[in-house]
PDB file of N, CA and C in Angstrom:
ATOM      1  N   MET A   1       1.341  11.200  10.719  1.00  0.00           N
ATOM      2  CA  MET A   1       2.522  11.784  10.893  1.00  0.00           C
ATOM      3  C   MET A   1       2.646  11.667  12.397  1.00  0.00           C
ATOM      4  N   TYR A   2       1.565  11.831  13.351  1.00  0.00           N
ATOM      5  CA  TYR A   2       1.753  12.007  14.969  1.00  0.00           C
ATOM      6  C   TYR A   2       1.927  10.409  15.288  1.00  0.00           C
ATOM      7  N   VAL A   3       1.440   9.601  14.918  1.00  0.00           N
ATOM      8  CA  VAL A   3       1.998   8.327  15.195  1.00  0.00           C
ATOM      9  C   VAL A   3       3.403   7.901  15.119  1.00  0.00           C
ATOM     10  N   LEU A   4       3.646   8.402  13.897  1.00  0.00           N
ATOM     11  CA  LEU A   4       5.166   8.214  13.513  1.00  0.00           C
ATOM     12  C   LEU A   4       6.316   8.863  14.645  1.00  0.00           C
ATOM     13  N   GLY A   5       5.767  10.015  14.617  1.00  0.00           N
ATOM     14  CA  GLY A   5       6.753  11.056  15.276  1.00  0.00           C
ATOM     15  C   GLY A   5       6.743  10.357  16.647  1.00  0.00           C
ATOM     16  N   LEU A   6       5.652   9.875  17.345  1.00  0.00           N
ATOM     17  CA  LEU A   6       5.466   9.525  18.465  1.00  0.00           C
ATOM     18  C   LEU A   6       6.342   8.233  18.591  1.00  0.00           C
ATOM     19  N   SER A   7       6.191   7.189  17.838  1.00  0.00           N
ATOM     20  CA  SER A   7       6.796   6.150  17.672  1.00  0.00           C
ATOM     21  C   SER A   7       8.301   6.089  17.940  1.00  0.00           C
ATOM     22  N   LEU A   8       8.961   7.281  17.177  1.00  0.00           N
ATOM     23  CA  LEU A   8      10.333   7.729  16.985  1.00  0.00           C
ATOM     24  C   LEU A   8      10.766   8.009  18.358  1.00  0.00           C
ATOM     25  N   GLU A   9      10.261   8.700  19.023  1.00  0.00           N
ATOM     26  CA  GLU A   9      10.521   9.742  20.139  1.00  0.00           C
ATOM     27  C   GLU A   9      11.402   8.905  21.171  1.00  0.00           C
ATOM     28  N   SER A  10      11.167   7.649  21.462  1.00  0.00           N
ATOM     29  CA  SER A  10      11.242   7.139  22.613  1.00  0.00           C
ATOM     30  C   SER A  10      10.637   5.624  22.845  1.00  0.00           C
ATOM     31  N   GLN A  11      11.043   4.184  23.386  1.00  0.00           N
ATOM     32  CA  GLN A  11      10.369   3.149  23.672  1.00  0.00           C
ATOM     33  C   GLN A  11       8.995   3.425  24.185  1.00  0.00           C
ATOM     34  N   ALA A  12       8.694   4.249  25.229  1.00  0.00           N
ATOM     35  CA  ALA A  12       7.351   4.426  25.741  1.00  0.00           C
ATOM     36  C   ALA A  12       6.492   4.862  24.638  1.00  0.00           C
ATOM     37  N   GLY A  13       6.887   5.874  23.989  1.00  0.00           N
ATOM     38  CA  GLY A  13       6.022   6.436  22.748  1.00  0.00           C
ATOM     39  C   GLY A  13       5.779   5.180  21.794  1.00  0.00           C
ATOM     40  N   PHE A  14       6.918   4.288  21.597  1.00  0.00           N
ATOM     41  CA  PHE A  14       6.557   3.374  20.489  1.00  0.00           C
ATOM     42  C   PHE A  14       5.694   2.579  21.162  1.00  0.00           C
ATOM     43  N   ASN A  15       5.674   2.274  22.428  1.00  0.00           N
ATOM     44  CA  ASN A  15       4.660   1.368  22.963  1.00  0.00           C
ATOM     45  C   ASN A  15       3.188   1.866  22.906  1.00  0.00           C
ATOM     46  N   GLU A  16       3.037   3.152  23.132  1.00  0.00           N
ATOM     47  CA  GLU A  16       1.696   4.294  23.101  1.00  0.00           C
ATOM     48  C   GLU A  16       1.268   3.939  21.704  1.00  0.00           C
ATOM     49  N   ALA A  17       2.078   4.027  20.690  1.00  0.00           N
ATOM     50  CA  ALA A  17       1.687   4.061  19.332  1.00  0.00           C
ATOM     51  C   ALA A  17       1.450   2.761  18.654  1.00  0.00           C
ATOM     52  N   ALA A  18       2.150   1.573  19.058  1.00  0.00           N
ATOM     53  CA  ALA A  18       1.797   0.113  18.983  1.00  0.00           C
ATOM     54  C   ALA A  18       0.161   0.041  19.590  1.00  0.00           C
ATOM     55  N   GLU A  19       0.338   0.440  20.914  1.00  0.00           N
ATOM     56  CA  GLU A  19      -1.305  -0.038  21.176  1.00  0.00           C
ATOM     57  C   GLU A  19      -2.336   0.995  20.708  1.00  0.00           C
ATOM     58  N   MET A  20      -2.198   1.956  19.939  1.00  0.00           N
ATOM     59  CA  MET A  20      -2.980   3.017  19.583  1.00  0.00           C
ATOM     60  C   MET A  20      -3.574   2.197  18.221  1.00  0.00           C
ATOM     61  N   LEU A  21      -2.386   1.869  17.669  1.00  0.00           N
ATOM     62  CA  LEU A  21      -2.590   1.173  16.409  1.00  0.00           C
ATOM     63  C   LEU A  21      -3.455  -0.210  16.422  1.00  0.00           C
ATOM     64  N   GLN A  22      -3.225  -0.813  17.780  1.00  0.00           N
ATOM     65  CA  GLN A  22      -3.877  -2.271  17.667  1.00  0.00           C
ATOM     66  C   GLN A  22      -5.219  -1.914  18.181  1.00  0.00           C
ATOM     67  N   GLU A  23      -5.813  -0.770  18.900  1.00  0.00           N
ATOM     68  CA  GLU A  23      -7.167  -0.778  19.402  1.00  0.00           C
ATOM     69  C   GLU A  23      -7.973   0.119  18.649  1.00  0.00           C
ATOM     70  N   SER A  24      -7.362   1.087  17.864  1.00  0.00           N
ATOM     71  CA  SER A  24      -8.173   2.100  17.513  1.00  0.00           C
ATOM     72  C   SER A  24      -8.731   1.440  15.826  1.00  0.00           C
ATOM     73  N   PHE A  25      -9.677   1.562  15.996  1.00  0.00           N
ATOM     74  CA  PHE A  25     -10.533   1.257  14.599  1.00  0.00           C
ATOM     75  C   PHE A  25     -10.093   2.242  13.387  1.00  0.00           C
ATOM     76  N   LEU A  26     -10.082   3.528  13.818  1.00  0.00           N
ATOM     77  CA  LEU A  26     -10.128   4.406  12.720  1.00  0.00           C
ATOM     78  C   LEU A  26      -8.445   4.591  12.393  1.00  0.00           C
ATOM     79  N   ALA A  27      -7.584   4.396  13.322  1.00  0.00           N
ATOM     80  CA  ALA A  27      -6.096   3.971  12.990  1.00  0.00           C
ATOM     81  C   ALA A  27      -5.944   2.976  12.178  1.00  0.00           C
ATOM     82  N   LYS A  28      -6.367   1.777  12.473  1.00  0.00           N
ATOM     83  CA  LYS A  28      -6.410   0.458  11.358  1.00  0.00           C
ATOM     84  C   LYS A  28      -6.897   1.101  10.375  1.00  0.00           C
ATOM     85  N   LEU A  29      -7.824   1.708   9.796  1.00  0.00           N
ATOM     86  CA  LEU A  29      -8.686   2.080   8.689  1.00  0.00           C
ATOM     87  C   LEU A  29      -7.635   2.955   7.985  1.00  0.00           C
ATOM     88  N   ILE A  30      -6.958   4.027   8.778  1.00  0.00           N
ATOM     89  CA  ILE A  30      -5.991   4.810   7.792  1.00  0.00           C
ATOM     90  C   ILE A  30      -4.760   4.226   7.809  1.00  0.00           C
ATOM     91  N   ALA A  31      -4.561   3.202   8.432  1.00  0.00           N
ATOM     92  CA  ALA A  31      -2.969   2.510   8.020  1.00  0.00           C
ATOM     93  C   ALA A  31      -3.201   1.740   6.665  1.00  0.00           C
ATOM     94  N   TRP A  32      -4.486   1.003   6.650  1.00  0.00           N
ATOM     95  CA  TRP A  32      -5.019   0.336   5.582  1.00  0.00           C
ATOM     96  C   TRP A  32      -5.033   1.387   4.314  1.00  0.00           C
ATOM     97  N   GLY A  33      -5.671   2.321   4.405  1.00  0.00           N
ATOM     98  CA  GLY A  33      -5.905   3.256   3.343  1.00  0.00           C
ATOM     99  C   GLY A  33      -4.372   3.725   2.861  1.00  0.00           C
ATOM    100  N   LEU A  34      -3.771   3.974   3.837  1.00  0.00           N
ATOM    101  CA  LEU A  34      -1.806   4.424   3.384  1.00  0.00           C
ATOM    102  C   LEU A  34      -1.315   3.328   2.873  1.00  0.00           C
ATOM    103  N   VAL A  35      -1.464   2.011   3.334  1.00  0.00           N
ATOM    104  CA  VAL A  35      -0.832   0.757   2.639  1.00  0.00           C
ATOM    105  C   VAL A  35      -1.431   0.726   1.373  1.00  0.00           C
ATOM    106  N   SER A  36      -2.601   0.864   1.352  1.00  0.00           N
ATOM    107  CA  SER A  36      -3.343   0.588   0.064  1.00  0.00           C
ATOM    108  C   SER A  36      -2.703   1.260  -1.426  1.00  0.00           C
ATOM    109  N   ALA A  37      -2.372   2.707  -0.923  1.00  0.00           N
ATOM    110  CA  ALA A  37      -2.191   3.803  -1.882  1.00  0.00           C
ATOM    111  C   ALA A  37      -0.833   3.317  -1.997  1.00  0.00           C
ATOM    112  N   LEU A  38       0.088   2.967  -1.205  1.00  0.00           N
ATOM    113  CA  LEU A  38       1.650   2.534  -1.380  1.00  0.00           C
ATOM    114  C   LEU A  38       1.490   1.404  -2.285  1.00  0.00           C
ATOM    115  N   LEU A  39       0.732   0.246  -1.940  1.00  0.00           N
ATOM    116  CA  LEU A  39       0.721  -0.651  -2.996  1.00  0.00           C
ATOM    117  C   LEU A  39       0.327  -0.512  -4.140  1.00  0.00           C
ATOM    118  N   TYR A  40      -0.626  -0.184  -4.603  1.00  0.00           N
ATOM    119  CA  TYR A  40      -0.801   0.363  -5.963  1.00  0.00           C
ATOM    120  C   TYR A  40      -0.157   1.262  -6.667  1.00  0.00           C
ATOM    121  N   HIS A  41       0.426   2.031  -6.117  1.00  0.00           N
ATOM    122  CA  HIS A  41       1.400   2.841  -6.527  1.00  0.00           C
ATOM    123  C   HIS A  41       2.900   1.867  -6.812  1.00  0.00           C
ATOM    124  N   PHE A  42       2.898   1.347  -5.925  1.00  0.00           N
ATOM    125  CA  PHE A  42       4.395   0.314  -6.361  1.00  0.00           C
ATOM    126  C   PHE A  42       4.131  -0.426  -7.654  1.00  0.00           C
ATOM    127  N   PHE A  43       2.816  -1.118  -7.529  1.00  0.00           N
ATOM    128  CA  PHE A  43       2.547  -2.155  -8.729  1.00  0.00           C
ATOM    129  C   PHE A  43       2.447  -1.199 -10.166  1.00  0.00           C
ATOM    130  N   ALA A  44       1.766  -0.106 -10.080  1.00  0.00           N
ATOM    131  CA  ALA A  44       1.709   0.847 -11.195  1.00  0.00           C
ATOM    132  C   ALA A  44       2.977   1.352 -11.681  1.00  0.00           C
ATOM    133  N   GLY A  45       4.005   1.706 -10.687  1.00  0.00           N
ATOM    134  CA  GLY A  45       5.518   1.901 -11.152  1.00  0.00           C
ATOM    135  C   GLY A  45       6.076   0.883 -11.785  1.00  0.00           C
ATOM    136  N   ILE A  46       5.755  -0.511 -11.392  1.00  0.00           N
ATOM    137  CA  ILE A  46       6.546  -1.642 -11.881  1.00  0.00           C
ATOM    138  C   ILE A  46       5.820  -1.842 -13.508  1.00  0.00           C
ATOM    139  N   LYS A  47       4.406  -1.356 -13.766  1.00  0.00           N
ATOM    140  CA  LYS A  47       3.818  -1.377 -14.740  1.00  0.00           C
ATOM    141  C   LYS A  47       4.600  -0.528 -15.515  1.00  0.00           C
ATOM    142  N   HIS A  48       4.783   0.916 -15.184  1.00  0.00           N
ATOM    143  CA  HIS A  48       5.604   1.856 -16.243  1.00  0.00           C
ATOM    144  C   HIS A  48       6.861   1.440 -16.519  1.00  0.00           C
ATOM    145  N   LEU A  49       7.539   1.001 -15.374  1.00  0.00           N
ATOM    146  CA  LEU A  49       8.914   0.466 -16.010  1.00  0.00           C
ATOM    147  C   LEU A  49       9.000  -0.810 -17.072  1.00  0.00           C
ATOM    148  N   ILE A  50       8.079  -1.657 -16.887  1.00  0.00           N
ATOM    149  CA  ILE A  50       8.068  -2.291 -18.100  1.00  0.00           C
ATOM    150  C   ILE A  50       7.538  -1.790 -19.455  1.00  0.00           C
ATOM    151  N   MET A  51       6.656  -1.103 -19.145  1.00  0.00           N
ATOM    152  CA  MET A  51       6.425  -0.259 -20.409  1.00  0.00           C
ATOM    153  C   MET A  51       7.669   0.698 -21.009  1.00  0.00           C
ATOM    154  N   ASP A  52       8.352   0.938 -20.018  1.00  0.00           N
ATOM    155  CA  ASP A  52       9.647   2.116 -20.753  1.00  0.00           C
ATOM    156  C   ASP A  52      10.514   1.182 -21.385  1.00  0.00           C
ATOM    157  N   LEU A  53      10.373  -0.230 -21.006  1.00  0.00           N
ATOM    158  CA  LEU A  53      11.502  -1.023 -21.636  1.00  0.00           C
ATOM    159  C   LEU A  53      11.095  -1.408 -22.933  1.00  0.00           C
ATOM    160  N   GLY A  54       9.722  -1.153 -23.489  1.00  0.00           N
ATOM    161  CA  GLY A  54       9.111  -1.754 -24.542  1.00  0.00           C
ATOM    162  C   GLY A  54       8.104  -2.398 -24.401  1.00  0.00           C
ATOM    163  N   HIS A  55       7.825  -2.862 -23.776  1.00  0.00           N
ATOM    164  CA  HIS A  55       6.701  -3.972 -23.827  1.00  0.00           C
ATOM    165  C   HIS A  55       5.350  -3.267 -23.335  1.00  0.00           C
ATOM    166  N   CYS A  56       4.338  -3.747 -24.221  1.00  0.00           N
ATOM    167  CA  CYS A  56       3.014  -3.449 -23.588  1.00  0.00           C
ATOM    168  C   CYS A  56       2.507  -2.169 -23.957  1.00  0.00           C
ATOM    169  N   GLU A  57       3.132  -1.482 -24.964  1.00  0.00           N
ATOM    170  CA  GLU A  57       3.223  -0.020 -25.479  1.00  0.00           C
ATOM    171  C   GLU A  57       1.844   0.284 -26.447  1.00  0.00           C
ATOM    172  N   GLU A  58       1.285  -0.724 -27.223  1.00  0.00           N
ATOM    173  CA  GLU A  58       0.441  -0.506 -28.027  1.00  0.00           C
ATOM    174  C   GLU A  58      -1.189  -0.858 -27.210  1.00  0.00           C
ATOM    175  N   LEU A  59      -1.895  -0.506 -27.942  1.00  0.00           N
ATOM    176  CA  LEU A  59      -3.586  -0.156 -27.154  1.00  0.00           C
ATOM    177  C   LEU A  59      -3.758  -1.486 -26.314  1.00  0.00           C
ATOM    178  N   GLU A  60      -3.773  -2.731 -27.147  1.00  0.00           N
ATOM    179  CA  GLU A  60      -4.098  -3.936 -26.713  1.00  0.00           C
ATOM    180  C   GLU A  60      -3.476  -4.024 -25.280  1.00  0.00           C
ATOM    181  N   GLY A  61      -2.130  -4.265 -25.478  1.00  0.00           N
ATOM    182  CA  GLY A  61      -1.115  -4.605 -24.445  1.00  0.00           C
ATOM    183  C   GLY A  61      -1.088  -3.596 -23.307  1.00  0.00           C
ATOM    184  N   GLY A  62      -1.598  -2.518 -23.357  1.00  0.00           N
ATOM    185  CA  GLY A  62      -1.532  -1.476 -22.429  1.00  0.00           C
ATOM    186  C   GLY A  62      -2.835  -1.665 -21.625  1.00  0.00           C
ATOM    187  N   ARG A  63      -3.917  -2.217 -22.125  1.00  0.00           N
ATOM    188  CA  ARG A  63      -5.071  -2.689 -21.619  1.00  0.00           C
ATOM    189  C   ARG A  63      -4.822  -3.846 -20.933  1.00  0.00           C
ATOM    190  N   MET A  64      -4.200  -4.611 -21.415  1.00  0.00           N
ATOM    191  CA  MET A  64      -3.853  -5.721 -20.443  1.00  0.00           C
ATOM    192  C   MET A  64      -3.118  -5.540 -19.408  1.00  0.00           C
ATOM    193  N   ALA A  65      -2.145  -4.513 -19.489  1.00  0.00           N
ATOM    194  CA  ALA A  65      -1.066  -4.205 -18.459  1.00  0.00           C
ATOM    195  C   ALA A  65      -1.971  -3.591 -17.393  1.00  0.00           C
ATOM    196  N   ALA A  66      -2.648  -2.771 -17.876  1.00  0.00           N
ATOM    197  CA  ALA A  66      -3.446  -1.927 -16.843  1.00  0.00           C
ATOM    198  C   ALA A  66      -4.602  -2.903 -15.968  1.00  0.00           C
ATOM    199  N   LYS A  67      -5.314  -3.614 -16.635  1.00  0.00           N
ATOM    200  CA  LYS A  67      -5.807  -4.704 -15.796  1.00  0.00           C
ATOM    201  C   LYS A  67      -5.368  -5.647 -14.915  1.00  0.00           C
ATOM    202  N   VAL A  68      -4.099  -6.308 -15.413  1.00  0.00           N
ATOM    203  CA  VAL A  68      -3.326  -7.009 -14.619  1.00  0.00           C
ATOM    204  C   VAL A  68      -2.498  -6.234 -13.069  1.00  0.00           C
ATOM    205  N   THR A  69      -2.309  -5.073 -13.463  1.00  0.00           N
ATOM    206  CA  THR A  69      -1.920  -3.986 -12.463  1.00  0.00           C
ATOM    207  C   THR A  69      -3.111  -3.818 -11.230  1.00  0.00           C
ATOM    208  N   LEU A  70      -4.136  -3.663 -11.802  1.00  0.00           N
ATOM    209  CA  LEU A  70      -5.340  -3.551 -11.061  1.00  0.00           C
ATOM    210  C   LEU A  70      -5.890  -4.817 -10.295  1.00  0.00           C
ATOM    211  N   VAL A  71      -5.464  -6.000 -10.620  1.00  0.00           N
ATOM    212  CA  VAL A  71      -5.938  -7.096 -10.355  1.00  0.00           C
ATOM    213  C   VAL A  71      -5.016  -7.636  -9.105  1.00  0.00           C
ATOM    214  N   VAL A  72      -3.529  -7.428  -9.766  1.00  0.00           N
ATOM    215  CA  VAL A  72      -2.515  -7.894  -8.585  1.00  0.00           C
ATOM    216  C   VAL A  72      -2.550  -6.892  -7.290  1.00  0.00           C
ATOM    217  N   ALA A  73      -2.977  -5.764  -7.519  1.00  0.00           N
ATOM    218  CA  ALA A  73      -2.847  -4.472  -6.475  1.00  0.00           C
ATOM    219  C   ALA A  73      -4.354  -4.705  -5.659  1.00  0.00           C
ATOM    220  N   VAL A  74      -5.414  -4.948  -6.208  1.00  0.00           N
ATOM    221  CA  VAL A  74      -6.313  -5.590  -5.385  1.00  0.00           C
ATOM    222  C   VAL A  74      -6.049  -6.849  -4.658  1.00  0.00           C
ATOM    223  N   ILE A  75      -5.300  -7.440  -4.884  1.00  0.00           N
ATOM    224  CA  ILE A  75      -4.926  -8.903  -4.159  1.00  0.00           C
ATOM    225  C   ILE A  75      -4.264  -8.513  -3.053  1.00  0.00           C
ATOM    226  N   ALA A  76      -3.241  -8.101  -3.500  1.00  0.00           N
ATOM    227  CA  ALA A  76      -2.181  -7.261  -2.322  1.00  0.00           C
ATOM    228  C   ALA A  76      -2.881  -6.660  -1.525  1.00  0.00           C
ATOM    229  N   ILE A  77      -3.661  -5.753  -1.821  1.00  0.00           N
ATOM    230  CA  ILE A  77      -4.554  -4.813  -0.749  1.00  0.00           C
ATOM    231  C   ILE A  77      -5.438  -5.465  -0.103  1.00  0.00           C
ATOM    232  N   LEU A  78      -5.950  -6.582  -0.276  1.00  0.00           N
ATOM    233  CA  LEU A  78      -6.874  -7.646   0.506  1.00  0.00           C
ATOM    234  C   LEU A  78      -5.850  -8.345   1.511  1.00  0.00           C
ATOM    235  N   LEU A  79      -4.816  -8.659   0.952  1.00  0.00           N
ATOM    236  CA  LEU A  79      -3.633  -9.591   1.988  1.00  0.00           C
ATOM    237  C   LEU A  79      -3.149  -8.491   2.900  1.00  0.00           C
ATOM    238  N   ALA A  80      -2.835  -7.184   2.531  1.00  0.00           N
ATOM    239  CA  ALA A  80      -2.207  -6.360   3.529  1.00  0.00           C
ATOM    240  C   ALA A  80      -3.794  -6.120   4.453  1.00  0.00           C
ATOM    241  N   GLY A  81      -4.985  -5.916   4.182  1.00  0.00           N
ATOM    242  CA  GLY A  81      -6.308  -5.800   4.976  1.00  0.00           C
ATOM    243  C   GLY A  81      -6.085  -6.899   6.154  1.00  0.00           C
ATOM    244  N   VAL A  82      -5.899  -8.032   5.495  1.00  0.00           N
ATOM    245  CA  VAL A  82      -5.675  -9.283   6.655  1.00  0.00           C
ATOM    246  C   VAL A  82      -4.600  -9.255   7.541  1.00  0.00           C
ATOM    247  N   TRP A  83      -3.631  -8.774   6.861  1.00  0.00           N
ATOM    248  CA  TRP A  83      -2.318  -8.570   7.835  1.00  0.00           C
ATOM    249  C   TRP A  83      -2.436  -7.589   9.041  1.00  0.00           C
ATOM    250  N   ILE A  84      -3.378  -6.465   8.513  1.00  0.00           N
ATOM    251  CA  ILE A  84      -3.548  -5.095   9.525  1.00  0.00           C
ATOM    252  C   ILE A  84      -4.559  -5.236  10.300  1.00  0.00           C
ATOM    253  N   TRP A  85      -5.630  -5.751   9.925  1.00  0.00           N
ATOM    254  CA  TRP A  85      -6.845  -6.552  10.803  1.00  0.00           C
ATOM    255  C   TRP A  85      -6.653  -7.572  11.792  1.00  0.00           C
TER     256      TRP A  85
END
């Protein structure tokens, strides 16, 4: 939240926040963790919307949907890690 507030204050604050995120291992790790949580939540939400439409509601379909969600989320998280690092 601090970095977001800093980046929205002014151009100098944005430059300082960008420098902080480029050089700090801990900042990159935290950013990757937040992006990972958002990506998983996004794909799980899509799975639930599909289930609300009446697909994959039985036990086997639900298990398959959960596995697909995990695989897609892991791939997206790894791609986000490549982008962040």
